[in-house]
Amino acid sequence: MDRERVHQDWDVLYREITAFLDGGSLPGDQQIQELVRRHFDIACRFYTPSREAYVGMSLFYAEDEAMRAFHDSYHPGMVDFLGAAIKVFAEQGSGFAPSAGAEASA
């Protein structure tokens, strides 16, 4: 797993989410859920989290001061928005495995 590539991919993804956040998108919107799927796929480069563990990742982002500061540096509402979007993904997700081809970009 190429950590530098993972961080680059997350950077691109968070910038895309910021644009939707600025545009008034909601956590359950299809475009947002597609971005959360990409977030999940990136996380799967480390390990494949269960639904509970993936939601727990969003709680870590919110509760850990450094993680909140990092994510909110993209947008002041990033952590809360991403957490809500991850919860929707976990509740509605039909499969909790990486997307086909996700490992190829690792």
PDB file of N, CA and C in Angstrom:
ATOM      1  N   MET A   1       0.836  -1.166   0.000  1.00  0.00           N
ATOM      2  CA  MET A   1       0.000   0.000   0.000  1.00  0.00           C
ATOM      3  C   MET A   1       0.891   1.242   0.000  1.00  0.00           C
ATOM      4  N   ASP A   2       0.594   2.153  -0.881  1.00  0.00           N
ATOM      5  CA  ASP A   2       1.366   3.379  -1.049  1.00  0.00           C
ATOM      6  C   ASP A   2       0.691   4.494  -0.243  1.00  0.00           C
ATOM      7  N   ARG A   3       1.234   4.779   0.933  1.00  0.00           N
ATOM      8  CA  ARG A   3       0.617   5.782   1.829  1.00  0.00           C
ATOM      9  C   ARG A   3       0.540   7.168   1.179  1.00  0.00           C
ATOM     10  N   GLU A   4       1.574   7.537   0.447  1.00  0.00           N
ATOM     11  CA  GLU A   4       1.555   8.848  -0.213  1.00  0.00           C
ATOM     12  C   GLU A   4       0.389   8.928  -1.187  1.00  0.00           C
ATOM     13  N   ARG A   5       0.181   7.862  -1.945  1.00  0.00           N
ATOM     14  CA  ARG A   5      -0.935   7.823  -2.901  1.00  0.00           C
ATOM     15  C   ARG A   5      -2.279   7.892  -2.177  1.00  0.00           C
ATOM     16  N   VAL A   6      -2.387   7.180  -1.060  1.00  0.00           N
ATOM     17  CA  VAL A   6      -3.620   7.208  -0.263  1.00  0.00           C
ATOM     18  C   VAL A   6      -3.916   8.640   0.176  1.00  0.00           C
ATOM     19  N   HIS A   7      -2.914   9.317   0.673  1.00  0.00           N
ATOM     20  CA  HIS A   7      -3.124  10.694   1.142  1.00  0.00           C
ATOM     21  C   HIS A   7      -3.461  11.628  -0.021  1.00  0.00           C
ATOM     22  N   GLN A   8      -2.855  11.414  -1.163  1.00  0.00           N
ATOM     23  CA  GLN A   8      -3.207  12.210  -2.350  1.00  0.00           C
ATOM     24  C   GLN A   8      -4.658  11.958  -2.750  1.00  0.00           C
ATOM     25  N   ASP A   9      -5.054  10.696  -2.731  1.00  0.00           N
ATOM     26  CA  ASP A   9      -6.428  10.360  -3.115  1.00  0.00           C
ATOM     27  C   ASP A   9      -7.433  10.948  -2.137  1.00  0.00           C
ATOM     28  N   TRP A  10      -7.130  10.911  -0.845  1.00  0.00           N
ATOM     29  CA  TRP A  10      -8.020  11.522   0.136  1.00  0.00           C
ATOM     30  C   TRP A  10      -8.067  13.038  -0.058  1.00  0.00           C
ATOM     31  N   ASP A  11      -6.935  13.651  -0.353  1.00  0.00           N
ATOM     32  CA  ASP A  11      -6.906  15.098  -0.593  1.00  0.00           C
ATOM     33  C   ASP A  11      -7.831  15.471  -1.750  1.00  0.00           C
ATOM     34  N   VAL A  12      -7.726  14.762  -2.859  1.00  0.00           N
ATOM     35  CA  VAL A  12      -8.595  15.025  -4.017  1.00  0.00           C
ATOM     36  C   VAL A  12     -10.052  14.839  -3.618  1.00  0.00           C
ATOM     37  N   LEU A  13     -10.335  13.750  -2.917  1.00  0.00           N
ATOM     38  CA  LEU A  13     -11.700  13.448  -2.504  1.00  0.00           C
ATOM     39  C   LEU A  13     -12.262  14.527  -1.582  1.00  0.00           C
ATOM     40  N   TYR A  14     -11.496  14.956  -0.589  1.00  0.00           N
ATOM     41  CA  TYR A  14     -11.986  15.973   0.343  1.00  0.00           C
ATOM     42  C   TYR A  14     -12.225  17.307  -0.362  1.00  0.00           C
ATOM     43  N   ARG A  15     -11.427  17.617  -1.358  1.00  0.00           N
ATOM     44  CA  ARG A  15     -11.655  18.841  -2.135  1.00  0.00           C
ATOM     45  C   ARG A  15     -12.955  18.724  -2.937  1.00  0.00           C
ATOM     46  N   GLU A  16     -13.237  17.539  -3.461  1.00  0.00           N
ATOM     47  CA  GLU A  16     -14.500  17.331  -4.178  1.00  0.00           C
ATOM     48  C   GLU A  16     -15.689  17.450  -3.225  1.00  0.00           C
ATOM     49  N   ILE A  17     -15.573  16.855  -2.047  1.00  0.00           N
ATOM     50  CA  ILE A  17     -16.658  16.952  -1.066  1.00  0.00           C
ATOM     51  C   ILE A  17     -16.886  18.400  -0.673  1.00  0.00           C
ATOM     52  N   THR A  18     -15.806  19.162  -0.505  1.00  0.00           N
ATOM     53  CA  THR A  18     -15.917  20.580  -0.146  1.00  0.00           C
ATOM     54  C   THR A  18     -16.744  21.341  -1.173  1.00  0.00           C
ATOM     55  N   ALA A  19     -16.528  21.067  -2.441  1.00  0.00           N
ATOM     56  CA  ALA A  19     -17.287  21.754  -3.487  1.00  0.00           C
ATOM     57  C   ALA A  19     -18.781  21.449  -3.357  1.00  0.00           C
ATOM     58  N   PHE A  20     -19.120  20.198  -3.072  1.00  0.00           N
ATOM     59  CA  PHE A  20     -20.525  19.837  -2.890  1.00  0.00           C
ATOM     60  C   PHE A  20     -21.091  20.452  -1.614  1.00  0.00           C
ATOM     61  N   LEU A  21     -20.275  20.479  -0.570  1.00  0.00           N
ATOM     62  CA  LEU A  21     -20.698  21.087   0.696  1.00  0.00           C
ATOM     63  C   LEU A  21     -21.019  22.564   0.479  1.00  0.00           C
ATOM     64  N   ASP A  22     -20.145  23.255  -0.240  1.00  0.00           N
ATOM     65  CA  ASP A  22     -20.368  24.676  -0.545  1.00  0.00           C
ATOM     66  C   ASP A  22     -21.610  24.876  -1.403  1.00  0.00           C
ATOM     67  N   GLY A  23     -21.958  23.856  -2.207  1.00  0.00           N
ATOM     68  CA  GLY A  23     -23.120  23.933  -3.078  1.00  0.00           C
ATOM     69  C   GLY A  23     -24.425  23.549  -2.407  1.00  0.00           C
ATOM     70  N   GLY A  24     -24.365  23.201  -1.130  1.00  0.00           N
ATOM     71  CA  GLY A  24     -25.589  22.890  -0.399  1.00  0.00           C
ATOM     72  C   GLY A  24     -26.041  21.446  -0.455  1.00  0.00           C
ATOM     73  N   SER A  25     -25.178  20.548  -0.880  1.00  0.00           N
ATOM     74  CA  SER A  25     -25.550  19.135  -0.929  1.00  0.00           C
ATOM     75  C   SER A  25     -25.820  18.599   0.472  1.00  0.00           C
ATOM     76  N   LEU A  26     -26.589  17.512   0.507  1.00  0.00           N
ATOM     77  CA  LEU A  26     -26.925  16.846   1.764  1.00  0.00           C
ATOM     78  C   LEU A  26     -26.193  15.508   1.854  1.00  0.00           C
ATOM     79  N   PRO A  27     -25.946  15.012   3.074  1.00  0.00           N
ATOM     80  CA  PRO A  27     -25.193  13.767   3.237  1.00  0.00           C
ATOM     81  C   PRO A  27     -25.766  12.569   2.472  1.00  0.00           C
ATOM     82  N   GLY A  28     -27.068  12.511   2.293  1.00  0.00           N
ATOM     83  CA  GLY A  28     -27.681  11.381   1.607  1.00  0.00           C
ATOM     84  C   GLY A  28     -27.788  11.526   0.107  1.00  0.00           C
ATOM     85  N   ASP A  29     -27.384  12.673  -0.442  1.00  0.00           N
ATOM     86  CA  ASP A  29     -27.468  12.882  -1.889  1.00  0.00           C
ATOM     87  C   ASP A  29     -26.626  11.840  -2.625  1.00  0.00           C
ATOM     88  N   GLN A  30     -27.091  11.438  -3.780  1.00  0.00           N
ATOM     89  CA  GLN A  30     -26.411  10.390  -4.549  1.00  0.00           C
ATOM     90  C   GLN A  30     -24.949  10.731  -4.823  1.00  0.00           C
ATOM     91  N   GLN A  31     -24.678  11.975  -5.207  1.00  0.00           N
ATOM     92  CA  GLN A  31     -23.291  12.360  -5.512  1.00  0.00           C
ATOM     93  C   GLN A  31     -22.406  12.218  -4.280  1.00  0.00           C
ATOM     94  N   ILE A  32     -22.961  12.580  -3.127  1.00  0.00           N
ATOM     95  CA  ILE A  32     -22.196  12.479  -1.882  1.00  0.00           C
ATOM     96  C   ILE A  32     -21.960  11.019  -1.534  1.00  0.00           C
ATOM     97  N   GLN A  33     -22.972  10.198  -1.701  1.00  0.00           N
ATOM     98  CA  GLN A  33     -22.818   8.783  -1.391  1.00  0.00           C
ATOM     99  C   GLN A  33     -21.799   8.108  -2.315  1.00  0.00           C
ATOM    100  N   GLU A  34     -21.714   8.577  -3.552  1.00  0.00           N
ATOM    101  CA  GLU A  34     -20.682   8.055  -4.460  1.00  0.00           C
ATOM    102  C   GLU A  34     -19.287   8.457  -3.971  1.00  0.00           C
ATOM    103  N   LEU A  35     -19.166   9.670  -3.433  1.00  0.00           N
ATOM    104  CA  LEU A  35     -17.881  10.112  -2.881  1.00  0.00           C
ATOM    105  C   LEU A  35     -17.549   9.333  -1.609  1.00  0.00           C
ATOM    106  N   VAL A  36     -18.552   9.043  -0.797  1.00  0.00           N
ATOM    107  CA  VAL A  36     -18.321   8.252   0.413  1.00  0.00           C
ATOM    108  C   VAL A  36     -17.898   6.834   0.026  1.00  0.00           C
ATOM    109  N   ARG A  37     -18.448   6.306  -1.032  1.00  0.00           N
ATOM    110  CA  ARG A  37     -18.017   4.989  -1.527  1.00  0.00           C
ATOM    111  C   ARG A  37     -16.530   5.037  -1.853  1.00  0.00           C
ATOM    112  N   ARG A  38     -16.087   6.129  -2.490  1.00  0.00           N
ATOM    113  CA  ARG A  38     -14.656   6.275  -2.783  1.00  0.00           C
ATOM    114  C   ARG A  38     -13.849   6.361  -1.492  1.00  0.00           C
ATOM    115  N   HIS A  39     -14.371   7.088  -0.495  1.00  0.00           N
ATOM    116  CA  HIS A  39     -13.706   7.192   0.805  1.00  0.00           C
ATOM    117  C   HIS A  39     -13.558   5.803   1.420  1.00  0.00           C
ATOM    118  N   PHE A  40     -14.630   5.039   1.388  1.00  0.00           N
ATOM    119  CA  PHE A  40     -14.607   3.676   1.918  1.00  0.00           C
ATOM    120  C   PHE A  40     -13.569   2.831   1.175  1.00  0.00           C
ATOM    121  N   ASP A  41     -13.553   2.946  -0.151  1.00  0.00           N
ATOM    122  CA  ASP A  41     -12.588   2.179  -0.948  1.00  0.00           C
ATOM    123  C   ASP A  41     -11.151   2.551  -0.600  1.00  0.00           C
ATOM    124  N   ILE A  42     -10.906   3.821  -0.342  1.00  0.00           N
ATOM    125  CA  ILE A  42      -9.558   4.235   0.061  1.00  0.00           C
ATOM    126  C   ILE A  42      -9.219   3.640   1.425  1.00  0.00           C
ATOM    127  N   ALA A  43     -10.174   3.700   2.356  1.00  0.00           N
ATOM    128  CA  ALA A  43      -9.946   3.113   3.683  1.00  0.00           C
ATOM    129  C   ALA A  43      -9.650   1.623   3.567  1.00  0.00           C
ATOM    130  N   CYS A  44     -10.281   0.968   2.602  1.00  0.00           N
ATOM    131  CA  CYS A  44     -10.086  -0.474   2.406  1.00  0.00           C
ATOM    132  C   CYS A  44      -8.681  -0.825   1.933  1.00  0.00           C
ATOM    133  N   ARG A  45      -7.903   0.150   1.554  1.00  0.00           N
ATOM    134  CA  ARG A  45      -6.511  -0.131   1.202  1.00  0.00           C
ATOM    135  C   ARG A  45      -5.720  -0.523   2.444  1.00  0.00           C
ATOM    136  N   PHE A  46      -6.205  -0.102   3.619  1.00  0.00           N
ATOM    137  CA  PHE A  46      -5.583  -0.473   4.888  1.00  0.00           C
ATOM    138  C   PHE A  46      -6.172  -1.779   5.411  1.00  0.00           C
ATOM    139  N   TYR A  47      -7.503  -1.854   5.447  1.00  0.00           N
ATOM    140  CA  TYR A  47      -8.249  -3.035   5.880  1.00  0.00           C
ATOM    141  C   TYR A  47      -9.704  -2.791   5.491  1.00  0.00           C
ATOM    142  N   THR A  48     -10.527  -3.835   5.480  1.00  0.00           N
ATOM    143  CA  THR A  48     -11.936  -3.672   5.148  1.00  0.00           C
ATOM    144  C   THR A  48     -12.733  -3.582   6.446  1.00  0.00           C
ATOM    145  N   PRO A  49     -13.180  -2.370   6.784  1.00  0.00           N
ATOM    146  CA  PRO A  49     -13.909  -2.207   8.044  1.00  0.00           C
ATOM    147  C   PRO A  49     -15.340  -2.734   7.957  1.00  0.00           C
ATOM    148  N   SER A  50     -15.845  -3.203   9.073  1.00  0.00           N
ATOM    149  CA  SER A  50     -17.258  -3.534   9.182  1.00  0.00           C
ATOM    150  C   SER A  50     -18.055  -2.221   9.152  1.00  0.00           C
ATOM    151  N   ARG A  51     -19.351  -2.318   9.057  1.00  0.00           N
ATOM    152  CA  ARG A  51     -20.199  -1.108   9.120  1.00  0.00           C
ATOM    153  C   ARG A  51     -19.907  -0.322  10.392  1.00  0.00           C
ATOM    154  N   GLU A  52     -19.856  -1.046  11.501  1.00  0.00           N
ATOM    155  CA  GLU A  52     -19.640  -0.397  12.793  1.00  0.00           C
ATOM    156  C   GLU A  52     -18.271   0.276  12.854  1.00  0.00           C
ATOM    157  N   ALA A  53     -17.261  -0.399  12.328  1.00  0.00           N
ATOM    158  CA  ALA A  53     -15.913   0.174  12.343  1.00  0.00           C
ATOM    159  C   ALA A  53     -15.830   1.402  11.440  1.00  0.00           C
ATOM    160  N   TYR A  54     -16.549   1.366  10.316  1.00  0.00           N
ATOM    161  CA  TYR A  54     -16.519   2.512   9.407  1.00  0.00           C
ATOM    162  C   TYR A  54     -17.202   3.721  10.045  1.00  0.00           C
ATOM    163  N   VAL A  55     -18.338   3.502  10.692  1.00  0.00           N
ATOM    164  CA  VAL A  55     -18.986   4.592  11.427  1.00  0.00           C
ATOM    165  C   VAL A  55     -18.062   5.054  12.547  1.00  0.00           C
ATOM    166  N   GLY A  56     -17.378   4.120  13.185  1.00  0.00           N
ATOM    167  CA  GLY A  56     -16.423   4.466  14.236  1.00  0.00           C
ATOM    168  C   GLY A  56     -15.297   5.349  13.730  1.00  0.00           C
ATOM    169  N   MET A  57     -14.905   5.154  12.466  1.00  0.00           N
ATOM    170  CA  MET A  57     -13.883   6.011  11.877  1.00  0.00           C
ATOM    171  C   MET A  57     -14.373   7.466  11.858  1.00  0.00           C
ATOM    172  N   SER A  58     -15.632   7.653  11.510  1.00  0.00           N
ATOM    173  CA  SER A  58     -16.175   9.015  11.484  1.00  0.00           C
ATOM    174  C   SER A  58     -16.243   9.604  12.889  1.00  0.00           C
ATOM    175  N   LEU A  59     -16.501   8.768  13.888  1.00  0.00           N
ATOM    176  CA  LEU A  59     -16.507   9.250  15.275  1.00  0.00           C
ATOM    177  C   LEU A  59     -15.098   9.643  15.703  1.00  0.00           C
ATOM    178  N   PHE A  60     -14.108   8.884  15.261  1.00  0.00           N
ATOM    179  CA  PHE A  60     -12.710   9.226  15.543  1.00  0.00           C
ATOM    180  C   PHE A  60     -12.367  10.579  14.927  1.00  0.00           C
ATOM    181  N   TYR A  61     -12.808  10.805  13.684  1.00  0.00           N
ATOM    182  CA  TYR A  61     -12.575  12.103  13.041  1.00  0.00           C
ATOM    183  C   TYR A  61     -13.155  13.230  13.892  1.00  0.00           C
ATOM    184  N   ALA A  62     -14.319  12.996  14.486  1.00  0.00           N
ATOM    185  CA  ALA A  62     -15.002  14.035  15.265  1.00  0.00           C
ATOM    186  C   ALA A  62     -14.392  14.230  16.649  1.00  0.00           C
ATOM    187  N   GLU A  63     -13.959  13.143  17.262  1.00  0.00           N
ATOM    188  CA  GLU A  63     -13.527  13.209  18.656  1.00  0.00           C
ATOM    189  C   GLU A  63     -12.041  13.493  18.830  1.00  0.00           C
ATOM    190  N   ASP A  64     -11.233  13.127  17.870  1.00  0.00           N
ATOM    191  CA  ASP A  64      -9.798  13.362  17.958  1.00  0.00           C
ATOM    192  C   ASP A  64      -9.500  14.776  17.456  1.00  0.00           C
ATOM    193  N   GLU A  65      -8.890  15.570  18.306  1.00  0.00           N
ATOM    194  CA  GLU A  65      -8.646  16.982  17.982  1.00  0.00           C
ATOM    195  C   GLU A  65      -7.833  17.158  16.699  1.00  0.00           C
ATOM    196  N   ALA A  66      -6.781  16.375  16.524  1.00  0.00           N
ATOM    197  CA  ALA A  66      -5.939  16.510  15.333  1.00  0.00           C
ATOM    198  C   ALA A  66      -6.697  16.085  14.070  1.00  0.00           C
ATOM    199  N   MET A  67      -7.472  15.004  14.165  1.00  0.00           N
ATOM    200  CA  MET A  67      -8.236  14.552  12.997  1.00  0.00           C
ATOM    201  C   MET A  67      -9.320  15.561  12.624  1.00  0.00           C
ATOM    202  N   ARG A  68      -9.991  16.123  13.636  1.00  0.00           N
ATOM    203  CA  ARG A  68     -11.009  17.145  13.363  1.00  0.00           C
ATOM    204  C   ARG A  68     -10.350  18.354  12.700  1.00  0.00           C
ATOM    205  N   ALA A  69      -9.237  18.791  13.216  1.00  0.00           N
ATOM    206  CA  ALA A  69      -8.556  19.962  12.647  1.00  0.00           C
ATOM    207  C   ALA A  69      -8.126  19.683  11.201  1.00  0.00           C
ATOM    208  N   PHE A  70      -7.593  18.493  10.956  1.00  0.00           N
ATOM    209  CA  PHE A  70      -7.173  18.149   9.601  1.00  0.00           C
ATOM    210  C   PHE A  70      -8.354  18.183   8.636  1.00  0.00           C
ATOM    211  N   HIS A  71      -9.414  17.478   8.958  1.00  0.00           N
ATOM    212  CA  HIS A  71     -10.560  17.398   8.055  1.00  0.00           C
ATOM    213  C   HIS A  71     -11.265  18.743   7.912  1.00  0.00           C
ATOM    214  N   ASP A  72     -11.413  19.448   9.020  1.00  0.00           N
ATOM    215  CA  ASP A  72     -12.083  20.747   8.958  1.00  0.00           C
ATOM    216  C   ASP A  72     -11.227  21.815   8.294  1.00  0.00           C
ATOM    217  N   SER A  73      -9.937  21.514   8.052  1.00  0.00           N
ATOM    218  CA  SER A  73      -9.107  22.471   7.308  1.00  0.00           C
ATOM    219  C   SER A  73      -9.583  22.563   5.852  1.00  0.00           C
ATOM    220  N   TYR A  74     -10.281  21.542   5.367  1.00  0.00           N
ATOM    221  CA  TYR A  74     -10.846  21.578   4.014  1.00  0.00           C
ATOM    222  C   TYR A  74     -12.123  22.415   3.993  1.00  0.00           C
ATOM    223  N   HIS A  75     -12.903  22.313   5.051  1.00  0.00           N
ATOM    224  CA  HIS A  75     -14.170  23.047   5.186  1.00  0.00           C
ATOM    225  C   HIS A  75     -14.555  22.968   6.665  1.00  0.00           C
ATOM    226  N   PRO A  76     -15.018  24.083   7.252  1.00  0.00           N
ATOM    227  CA  PRO A  76     -15.340  24.068   8.686  1.00  0.00           C
ATOM    228  C   PRO A  76     -16.401  23.035   9.088  1.00  0.00           C
ATOM    229  N   GLY A  77     -17.193  22.564   8.160  1.00  0.00           N
ATOM    230  CA  GLY A  77     -18.213  21.575   8.477  1.00  0.00           C
ATOM    231  C   GLY A  77     -17.907  20.177   7.970  1.00  0.00           C
ATOM    232  N   MET A  78     -16.658  19.948   7.532  1.00  0.00           N
ATOM    233  CA  MET A  78     -16.321  18.673   6.892  1.00  0.00           C
ATOM    234  C   MET A  78     -16.552  17.478   7.801  1.00  0.00           C
ATOM    235  N   VAL A  79     -16.066  17.527   9.028  1.00  0.00           N
ATOM    236  CA  VAL A  79     -16.158  16.361   9.911  1.00  0.00           C
ATOM    237  C   VAL A  79     -17.614  15.985  10.161  1.00  0.00           C
ATOM    238  N   ASP A  80     -18.433  16.965  10.473  1.00  0.00           N
ATOM    239  CA  ASP A  80     -19.836  16.670  10.771  1.00  0.00           C
ATOM    240  C   ASP A  80     -20.567  16.170   9.529  1.00  0.00           C
ATOM    241  N   PHE A  81     -20.293  16.786   8.388  1.00  0.00           N
ATOM    242  CA  PHE A  81     -20.934  16.384   7.141  1.00  0.00           C
ATOM    243  C   PHE A  81     -20.486  14.980   6.737  1.00  0.00           C
ATOM    244  N   LEU A  82     -19.187  14.735   6.780  1.00  0.00           N
ATOM    245  CA  LEU A  82     -18.663  13.428   6.400  1.00  0.00           C
ATOM    246  C   LEU A  82     -19.186  12.353   7.347  1.00  0.00           C
ATOM    247  N   GLY A  83     -19.253  12.673   8.628  1.00  0.00           N
ATOM    248  CA  GLY A  83     -19.788  11.710   9.595  1.00  0.00           C
ATOM    249  C   GLY A  83     -21.225  11.343   9.284  1.00  0.00           C
ATOM    250  N   ALA A  84     -22.039  12.346   8.961  1.00  0.00           N
ATOM    251  CA  ALA A  84     -23.436  12.080   8.610  1.00  0.00           C
ATOM    252  C   ALA A  84     -23.532  11.273   7.324  1.00  0.00           C
ATOM    253  N   ALA A  85     -22.691  11.585   6.356  1.00  0.00           N
ATOM    254  CA  ALA A  85     -22.707  10.869   5.072  1.00  0.00           C
ATOM    255  C   ALA A  85     -22.243   9.419   5.250  1.00  0.00           C
ATOM    256  N   ILE A  86     -21.260   9.203   6.105  1.00  0.00           N
ATOM    257  CA  ILE A  86     -20.792   7.844   6.383  1.00  0.00           C
ATOM    258  C   ILE A  86     -21.897   7.036   7.066  1.00  0.00           C
ATOM    259  N   LYS A  87     -22.635   7.661   7.968  1.00  0.00           N
ATOM    260  CA  LYS A  87     -23.746   6.956   8.631  1.00  0.00           C
ATOM    261  C   LYS A  87     -24.811   6.545   7.619  1.00  0.00           C
ATOM    262  N   VAL A  88     -25.128   7.430   6.676  1.00  0.00           N
ATOM    263  CA  VAL A  88     -26.087   7.084   5.634  1.00  0.00           C
ATOM    264  C   VAL A  88     -25.548   5.915   4.817  1.00  0.00           C
ATOM    265  N   PHE A  89     -24.300   5.988   4.441  1.00  0.00           N
ATOM    266  CA  PHE A  89     -23.666   4.923   3.658  1.00  0.00           C
ATOM    267  C   PHE A  89     -23.750   3.594   4.395  1.00  0.00           C
ATOM    268  N   ALA A  90     -23.433   3.614   5.681  1.00  0.00           N
ATOM    269  CA  ALA A  90     -23.444   2.380   6.477  1.00  0.00           C
ATOM    270  C   ALA A  90     -24.853   1.817   6.606  1.00  0.00           C
ATOM    271  N   GLU A  91     -25.838   2.686   6.737  1.00  0.00           N
ATOM    272  CA  GLU A  91     -27.223   2.234   6.878  1.00  0.00           C
ATOM    273  C   GLU A  91     -27.809   1.730   5.573  1.00  0.00           C
ATOM    274  N   GLN A  92     -27.420   2.336   4.462  1.00  0.00           N
ATOM    275  CA  GLN A  92     -28.030   2.005   3.180  1.00  0.00           C
ATOM    276  C   GLN A  92     -27.161   1.133   2.298  1.00  0.00           C
ATOM    277  N   GLY A  93     -25.887   0.992   2.642  1.00  0.00           N
ATOM    278  CA  GLY A  93     -24.967   0.242   1.801  1.00  0.00           C
ATOM    279  C   GLY A  93     -25.409  -1.196   1.600  1.00  0.00           C
ATOM    280  N   SER A  94     -25.413  -1.636   0.365  1.00  0.00           N
ATOM    281  CA  SER A  94     -25.848  -3.000   0.067  1.00  0.00           C
ATOM    282  C   SER A  94     -24.720  -4.006   0.250  1.00  0.00           C
ATOM    283  N   GLY A  95     -23.499  -3.556   0.126  1.00  0.00           N
ATOM    284  CA  GLY A  95     -22.368  -4.450   0.313  1.00  0.00           C
ATOM    285  C   GLY A  95     -21.235  -3.717   0.977  1.00  0.00           C
ATOM    286  N   PHE A  96     -20.615  -4.353   1.910  1.00  0.00           N
ATOM    287  CA  PHE A  96     -19.551  -3.675   2.629  1.00  0.00           C
ATOM    288  C   PHE A  96     -18.209  -4.294   2.297  1.00  0.00           C
ATOM    289  N   ALA A  97     -17.929  -4.291   0.994  1.00  0.00           N
ATOM    290  CA  ALA A  97     -16.654  -4.769   0.476  1.00  0.00           C
ATOM    291  C   ALA A  97     -16.147  -3.715  -0.492  1.00  0.00           C
ATOM    292  N   PRO A  98     -14.848  -3.647  -0.723  1.00  0.00           N
ATOM    293  CA  PRO A  98     -14.320  -2.653  -1.671  1.00  0.00           C
ATOM    294  C   PRO A  98     -14.966  -2.815  -3.043  1.00  0.00           C
ATOM    295  N   SER A  99     -15.110  -1.710  -3.734  1.00  0.00           N
ATOM    296  CA  SER A  99     -15.621  -1.749  -5.108  1.00  0.00           C
ATOM    297  C   SER A  99     -14.658  -2.509  -6.001  1.00  0.00           C
ATOM    298  N   ALA A 100     -15.171  -3.095  -7.045  1.00  0.00           N
ATOM    299  CA  ALA A 100     -14.311  -3.786  -8.012  1.00  0.00           C
ATOM    300  C   ALA A 100     -13.291  -2.787  -8.552  1.00  0.00           C
ATOM    301  N   GLY A 101     -12.042  -3.165  -8.531  1.00  0.00           N
ATOM    302  CA  GLY A 101     -10.979  -2.304  -9.035  1.00  0.00           C
ATOM    303  C   GLY A 101     -10.387  -1.379  -7.992  1.00  0.00           C
ATOM    304  N   ALA A 102     -10.996  -1.300  -6.808  1.00  0.00           N
ATOM    305  CA  ALA A 102     -10.484  -0.394  -5.785  1.00  0.00           C
ATOM    306  C   ALA A 102      -9.085  -0.795  -5.328  1.00  0.00           C
ATOM    307  N   GLU A 103      -8.843  -2.085  -5.244  1.00  0.00           N
ATOM    308  CA  GLU A 103      -7.526  -2.552  -4.805  1.00  0.00           C
ATOM    309  C   GLU A 103      -6.457  -2.257  -5.845  1.00  0.00           C
ATOM    310  N   ALA A 104      -6.858  -2.179  -7.113  1.00  0.00           N
ATOM    311  CA  ALA A 104      -5.884  -1.958  -8.183  1.00  0.00           C
ATOM    312  C   ALA A 104      -5.208  -0.605  -8.060  1.00  0.00           C
ATOM    313  N   SER A 105      -5.901   0.368  -7.442  1.00  0.00           N
ATOM    314  CA  SER A 105      -5.313   1.695  -7.330  1.00  0.00           C
ATOM    315  C   SER A 105      -4.520   1.858  -6.047  1.00  0.00           C
ATOM    316  N   ALA A 106      -4.417   0.796  -5.269  1.00  0.00           N
ATOM    317  CA  ALA A 106      -3.691   0.864  -4.004  1.00  0.00           C
ATOM    318  C   ALA A 106      -2.200   0.958  -4.217  1.00  0.00           C
TER     319      ALA A 106
END
